[in-house]
Amino acid sequence: MSKAGYDATAIARFFALLEKKLGDRSGTSMLSTHPGTPERKRDILDYAGALKAKQQPQ
């Protein structure tokens, strides 16, 4: 999606807003089918950073 021009960090901003509205529910991620909001936000930002590094000319 980043190749198509989408901001890879936009979903992380969404999760930050969700976390602000609903609070930190990371303690429930172990019992869930999806990781908690803080983990999702961290993983997305890590992935976006890796994409950015990969796309920079060497």
PDB file of N, CA and C in Angstrom:
ATOM      1  N   MET A   1       0.815  -1.194   0.000  1.00  0.00           N
ATOM      2  CA  MET A   1       0.000   0.000   0.000  1.00  0.00           C
ATOM      3  C   MET A   1       0.859   1.258   0.000  1.00  0.00           C
ATOM      4  N   SER A   2       2.033   1.174   0.613  1.00  0.00           N
ATOM      5  CA  SER A   2       2.885   2.365   0.631  1.00  0.00           C
ATOM      6  C   SER A   2       3.345   2.725  -0.779  1.00  0.00           C
ATOM      7  N   LYS A   3       3.515   1.715  -1.636  1.00  0.00           N
ATOM      8  CA  LYS A   3       3.898   1.989  -3.026  1.00  0.00           C
ATOM      9  C   LYS A   3       2.798   2.748  -3.759  1.00  0.00           C
ATOM     10  N   ALA A   4       1.560   2.567  -3.314  1.00  0.00           N
ATOM     11  CA  ALA A   4       0.436   3.260  -3.943  1.00  0.00           C
ATOM     12  C   ALA A   4       0.249   4.667  -3.381  1.00  0.00           C
ATOM     13  N   GLY A   5       1.097   5.047  -2.408  1.00  0.00           N
ATOM     14  CA  GLY A   5       1.031   6.409  -1.881  1.00  0.00           C
ATOM     15  C   GLY A   5       0.305   6.541  -0.551  1.00  0.00           C
ATOM     16  N   TYR A   6      -0.122   5.422   0.040  1.00  0.00           N
ATOM     17  CA  TYR A   6      -0.791   5.491   1.331  1.00  0.00           C
ATOM     18  C   TYR A   6       0.229   5.708   2.433  1.00  0.00           C
ATOM     19  N   ASP A   7      -0.149   6.474   3.429  1.00  0.00           N
ATOM     20  CA  ASP A   7       0.701   6.729   4.587  1.00  0.00           C
ATOM     21  C   ASP A   7       0.667   5.501   5.489  1.00  0.00           C
ATOM     22  N   ALA A   8       1.798   4.840   5.630  1.00  0.00           N
ATOM     23  CA  ALA A   8       1.860   3.608   6.410  1.00  0.00           C
ATOM     24  C   ALA A   8       1.634   3.840   7.901  1.00  0.00           C
ATOM     25  N   THR A   9       1.776   5.081   8.353  1.00  0.00           N
ATOM     26  CA  THR A   9       1.588   5.364   9.782  1.00  0.00           C
ATOM     27  C   THR A   9       0.171   5.825  10.113  1.00  0.00           C
ATOM     28  N   ALA A  10      -0.676   5.982   9.113  1.00  0.00           N
ATOM     29  CA  ALA A  10      -2.036   6.482   9.370  1.00  0.00           C
ATOM     30  C   ALA A  10      -2.824   5.540  10.273  1.00  0.00           C
ATOM     31  N   ILE A  11      -2.694   4.242  10.088  1.00  0.00           N
ATOM     32  CA  ILE A  11      -3.430   3.304  10.925  1.00  0.00           C
ATOM     33  C   ILE A  11      -2.913   3.345  12.358  1.00  0.00           C
ATOM     34  N   ALA A  12      -1.622   3.639  12.536  1.00  0.00           N
ATOM     35  CA  ALA A  12      -1.077   3.775  13.888  1.00  0.00           C
ATOM     36  C   ALA A  12      -1.710   4.978  14.587  1.00  0.00           C
ATOM     37  N   ARG A  13      -1.941   6.055  13.850  1.00  0.00           N
ATOM     38  CA  ARG A  13      -2.626   7.226  14.440  1.00  0.00           C
ATOM     39  C   ARG A  13      -4.059   6.860  14.824  1.00  0.00           C
ATOM     40  N   PHE A  14      -4.705   6.033  14.004  1.00  0.00           N
ATOM     41  CA  PHE A  14      -6.049   5.559  14.340  1.00  0.00           C
ATOM     42  C   PHE A  14      -6.020   4.772  15.648  1.00  0.00           C
ATOM     43  N   PHE A  15      -5.048   3.855  15.790  1.00  0.00           N
ATOM     44  CA  PHE A  15      -4.955   3.066  17.012  1.00  0.00           C
ATOM     45  C   PHE A  15      -4.629   3.936  18.222  1.00  0.00           C
ATOM     46  N   ALA A  16      -3.837   5.000  18.029  1.00  0.00           N
ATOM     47  CA  ALA A  16      -3.546   5.924  19.129  1.00  0.00           C
ATOM     48  C   ALA A  16      -4.833   6.618  19.580  1.00  0.00           C
ATOM     49  N   LEU A  17      -5.657   7.019  18.624  1.00  0.00           N
ATOM     50  CA  LEU A  17      -6.936   7.643  18.955  1.00  0.00           C
ATOM     51  C   LEU A  17      -7.850   6.649  19.661  1.00  0.00           C
ATOM     52  N   LEU A  18      -7.888   5.427  19.168  1.00  0.00           N
ATOM     53  CA  LEU A  18      -8.694   4.381  19.787  1.00  0.00           C
ATOM     54  C   LEU A  18      -8.241   4.120  21.225  1.00  0.00           C
ATOM     55  N   GLU A  19      -6.941   4.064  21.418  1.00  0.00           N
ATOM     56  CA  GLU A  19      -6.395   3.841  22.754  1.00  0.00           C
ATOM     57  C   GLU A  19      -6.753   5.003  23.689  1.00  0.00           C
ATOM     58  N   LYS A  20      -6.706   6.217  23.160  1.00  0.00           N
ATOM     59  CA  LYS A  20      -7.058   7.399  23.959  1.00  0.00           C
ATOM     60  C   LYS A  20      -8.529   7.350  24.370  1.00  0.00           C
ATOM     61  N   LYS A  21      -9.389   6.945  23.437  1.00  0.00           N
ATOM     62  CA  LYS A  21     -10.829   6.898  23.716  1.00  0.00           C
ATOM     63  C   LYS A  21     -11.216   5.743  24.631  1.00  0.00           C
ATOM     64  N   LEU A  22     -10.607   4.568  24.415  1.00  0.00           N
ATOM     65  CA  LEU A  22     -11.014   3.364  25.136  1.00  0.00           C
ATOM     66  C   LEU A  22     -10.082   2.986  26.275  1.00  0.00           C
ATOM     67  N   GLY A  23      -8.916   3.597  26.325  1.00  0.00           N
ATOM     68  CA  GLY A  23      -7.938   3.248  27.341  1.00  0.00           C
ATOM     69  C   GLY A  23      -7.059   2.103  26.876  1.00  0.00           C
ATOM     70  N   ASP A  24      -6.066   1.813  27.680  1.00  0.00           N
ATOM     71  CA  ASP A  24      -5.113   0.754  27.367  1.00  0.00           C
ATOM     72  C   ASP A  24      -5.732  -0.585  27.735  1.00  0.00           C
ATOM     73  N   ARG A  25      -5.995  -1.392  26.733  1.00  0.00           N
ATOM     74  CA  ARG A  25      -6.568  -2.722  26.963  1.00  0.00           C
ATOM     75  C   ARG A  25      -5.575  -3.811  26.579  1.00  0.00           C
ATOM     76  N   SER A  26      -4.301  -3.504  26.730  1.00  0.00           N
ATOM     77  CA  SER A  26      -3.280  -4.459  26.303  1.00  0.00           C
ATOM     78  C   SER A  26      -3.284  -5.718  27.156  1.00  0.00           C
ATOM     79  N   GLY A  27      -3.786  -5.654  28.369  1.00  0.00           N
ATOM     80  CA  GLY A  27      -3.829  -6.824  29.225  1.00  0.00           C
ATOM     81  C   GLY A  27      -4.770  -7.898  28.725  1.00  0.00           C
ATOM     82  N   THR A  28      -5.693  -7.539  27.851  1.00  0.00           N
ATOM     83  CA  THR A  28      -6.648  -8.518  27.330  1.00  0.00           C
ATOM     84  C   THR A  28      -6.174  -9.175  26.042  1.00  0.00           C
ATOM     85  N   SER A  29      -5.050  -8.730  25.495  1.00  0.00           N
ATOM     86  CA  SER A  29      -4.626  -9.260  24.193  1.00  0.00           C
ATOM     87  C   SER A  29      -4.271 -10.741  24.258  1.00  0.00           C
ATOM     88  N   MET A  30      -3.832 -11.220  25.419  1.00  0.00           N
ATOM     89  CA  MET A  30      -3.486 -12.624  25.536  1.00  0.00           C
ATOM     90  C   MET A  30      -4.726 -13.514  25.354  1.00  0.00           C
ATOM     91  N   LEU A  31      -5.886 -13.001  25.708  1.00  0.00           N
ATOM     92  CA  LEU A  31      -7.114 -13.776  25.621  1.00  0.00           C
ATOM     93  C   LEU A  31      -7.891 -13.494  24.341  1.00  0.00           C
ATOM     94  N   SER A  32      -7.351 -12.666  23.504  1.00  0.00           N
ATOM     95  CA  SER A  32      -8.051 -12.206  22.318  1.00  0.00           C
ATOM     96  C   SER A  32      -7.493 -12.868  21.060  1.00  0.00           C
ATOM     97  N   THR A  33      -8.243 -12.735  19.974  1.00  0.00           N
ATOM     98  CA  THR A  33      -7.752 -13.223  18.682  1.00  0.00           C
ATOM     99  C   THR A  33      -6.885 -12.177  17.995  1.00  0.00           C
ATOM    100  N   HIS A  34      -6.866 -10.956  18.517  1.00  0.00           N
ATOM    101  CA  HIS A  34      -6.056  -9.875  17.960  1.00  0.00           C
ATOM    102  C   HIS A  34      -5.216  -9.268  19.081  1.00  0.00           C
ATOM    103  N   PRO A  35      -4.036  -8.741  18.727  1.00  0.00           N
ATOM    104  CA  PRO A  35      -3.222  -8.081  19.745  1.00  0.00           C
ATOM    105  C   PRO A  35      -3.920  -6.815  20.253  1.00  0.00           C
ATOM    106  N   GLY A  36      -3.539  -6.391  21.448  1.00  0.00           N
ATOM    107  CA  GLY A  36      -4.100  -5.171  22.021  1.00  0.00           C
ATOM    108  C   GLY A  36      -3.679  -3.945  21.224  1.00  0.00           C
ATOM    109  N   THR A  37      -4.372  -2.852  21.445  1.00  0.00           N
ATOM    110  CA  THR A  37      -4.122  -1.618  20.702  1.00  0.00           C
ATOM    111  C   THR A  37      -2.676  -1.138  20.811  1.00  0.00           C
ATOM    112  N   PRO A  38      -2.068  -1.097  21.997  1.00  0.00           N
ATOM    113  CA  PRO A  38      -0.672  -0.634  22.053  1.00  0.00           C
ATOM    114  C   PRO A  38       0.280  -1.509  21.236  1.00  0.00           C
ATOM    115  N   GLU A  39       0.059  -2.812  21.266  1.00  0.00           N
ATOM    116  CA  GLU A  39       0.906  -3.707  20.487  1.00  0.00           C
ATOM    117  C   GLU A  39       0.706  -3.506  18.995  1.00  0.00           C
ATOM    118  N   ARG A  40      -0.518  -3.324  18.594  1.00  0.00           N
ATOM    119  CA  ARG A  40      -0.799  -3.103  17.167  1.00  0.00           C
ATOM    120  C   ARG A  40      -0.146  -1.816  16.695  1.00  0.00           C
ATOM    121  N   LYS A  41      -0.281  -0.758  17.495  1.00  0.00           N
ATOM    122  CA  LYS A  41       0.306   0.539  17.139  1.00  0.00           C
ATOM    123  C   LYS A  41       1.824   0.413  17.030  1.00  0.00           C
ATOM    124  N   ARG A  42       2.467  -0.245  17.985  1.00  0.00           N
ATOM    125  CA  ARG A  42       3.919  -0.422  17.976  1.00  0.00           C
ATOM    126  C   ARG A  42       4.357  -1.230  16.756  1.00  0.00           C
ATOM    127  N   ASP A  43       3.656  -2.328  16.479  1.00  0.00           N
ATOM    128  CA  ASP A  43       4.009  -3.175  15.340  1.00  0.00           C
ATOM    129  C   ASP A  43       3.880  -2.426  14.015  1.00  0.00           C
ATOM    130  N   ILE A  44       2.844  -1.629  13.889  1.00  0.00           N
ATOM    131  CA  ILE A  44       2.634  -0.866  12.656  1.00  0.00           C
ATOM    132  C   ILE A  44       3.731   0.170  12.469  1.00  0.00           C
ATOM    133  N   LEU A  45       4.094   0.867  13.545  1.00  0.00           N
ATOM    134  CA  LEU A  45       5.153   1.869  13.438  1.00  0.00           C
ATOM    135  C   LEU A  45       6.501   1.202  13.128  1.00  0.00           C
ATOM    136  N   ASP A  46       6.752   0.041  13.703  1.00  0.00           N
ATOM    137  CA  ASP A  46       7.975  -0.705  13.378  1.00  0.00           C
ATOM    138  C   ASP A  46       7.993  -1.090  11.899  1.00  0.00           C
ATOM    139  N   TYR A  47       6.870  -1.584  11.419  1.00  0.00           N
ATOM    140  CA  TYR A  47       6.764  -1.993  10.019  1.00  0.00           C
ATOM    141  C   TYR A  47       6.920  -0.787   9.084  1.00  0.00           C
ATOM    142  N   ALA A  48       6.296   0.325   9.435  1.00  0.00           N
ATOM    143  CA  ALA A  48       6.403   1.536   8.612  1.00  0.00           C
ATOM    144  C   ALA A  48       7.844   2.022   8.560  1.00  0.00           C
ATOM    145  N   GLY A  49       8.546   1.938   9.690  1.00  0.00           N
ATOM    146  CA  GLY A  49       9.957   2.324   9.708  1.00  0.00           C
ATOM    147  C   GLY A  49      10.801   1.426   8.821  1.00  0.00           C
ATOM    148  N   ALA A  50      10.508   0.135   8.840  1.00  0.00           N
ATOM    149  CA  ALA A  50      11.234  -0.804   7.991  1.00  0.00           C
ATOM    150  C   ALA A  50      10.956  -0.519   6.515  1.00  0.00           C
ATOM    151  N   LEU A  51       9.709  -0.203   6.185  1.00  0.00           N
ATOM    152  CA  LEU A  51       9.373   0.133   4.799  1.00  0.00           C
ATOM    153  C   LEU A  51      10.122   1.379   4.341  1.00  0.00           C
ATOM    154  N   LYS A  52      10.151   2.385   5.204  1.00  0.00           N
ATOM    155  CA  LYS A  52      10.824   3.643   4.863  1.00  0.00           C
ATOM    156  C   LYS A  52      12.305   3.402   4.634  1.00  0.00           C
ATOM    157  N   ALA A  53      12.929   2.614   5.507  1.00  0.00           N
ATOM    158  CA  ALA A  53      14.349   2.315   5.357  1.00  0.00           C
ATOM    159  C   ALA A  53      14.604   1.533   4.071  1.00  0.00           C
ATOM    160  N   LYS A  54      13.714   0.639   3.739  1.00  0.00           N
ATOM    161  CA  LYS A  54      13.865  -0.188   2.534  1.00  0.00           C
ATOM    162  C   LYS A  54      13.726   0.653   1.257  1.00  0.00           C
ATOM    163  N   GLN A  55      12.910   1.699   1.309  1.00  0.00           N
ATOM    164  CA  GLN A  55      12.627   2.508   0.129  1.00  0.00           C
ATOM    165  C   GLN A  55      13.669   3.590  -0.106  1.00  0.00           C
ATOM    166  N   GLN A  56      14.513   3.875   0.883  1.00  0.00           N
ATOM    167  CA  GLN A  56      15.525   4.917   0.710  1.00  0.00           C
ATOM    168  C   GLN A  56      16.638   4.409  -0.192  1.00  0.00           C
ATOM    169  N   PRO A  57      17.043   5.252  -1.141  1.00  0.00           N
ATOM    170  CA  PRO A  57      18.138   4.833  -2.048  1.00  0.00           C
ATOM    171  C   PRO A  57      19.441   4.668  -1.269  1.00  0.00           C
ATOM    172  N   GLN A  58      20.223   3.725  -1.712  1.00  0.00           N
ATOM    173  CA  GLN A  58      21.481   3.452  -0.992  1.00  0.00           C
ATOM    174  C   GLN A  58      22.676   3.910  -1.744  1.00  0.00           C
TER     175      GLN A  58
END
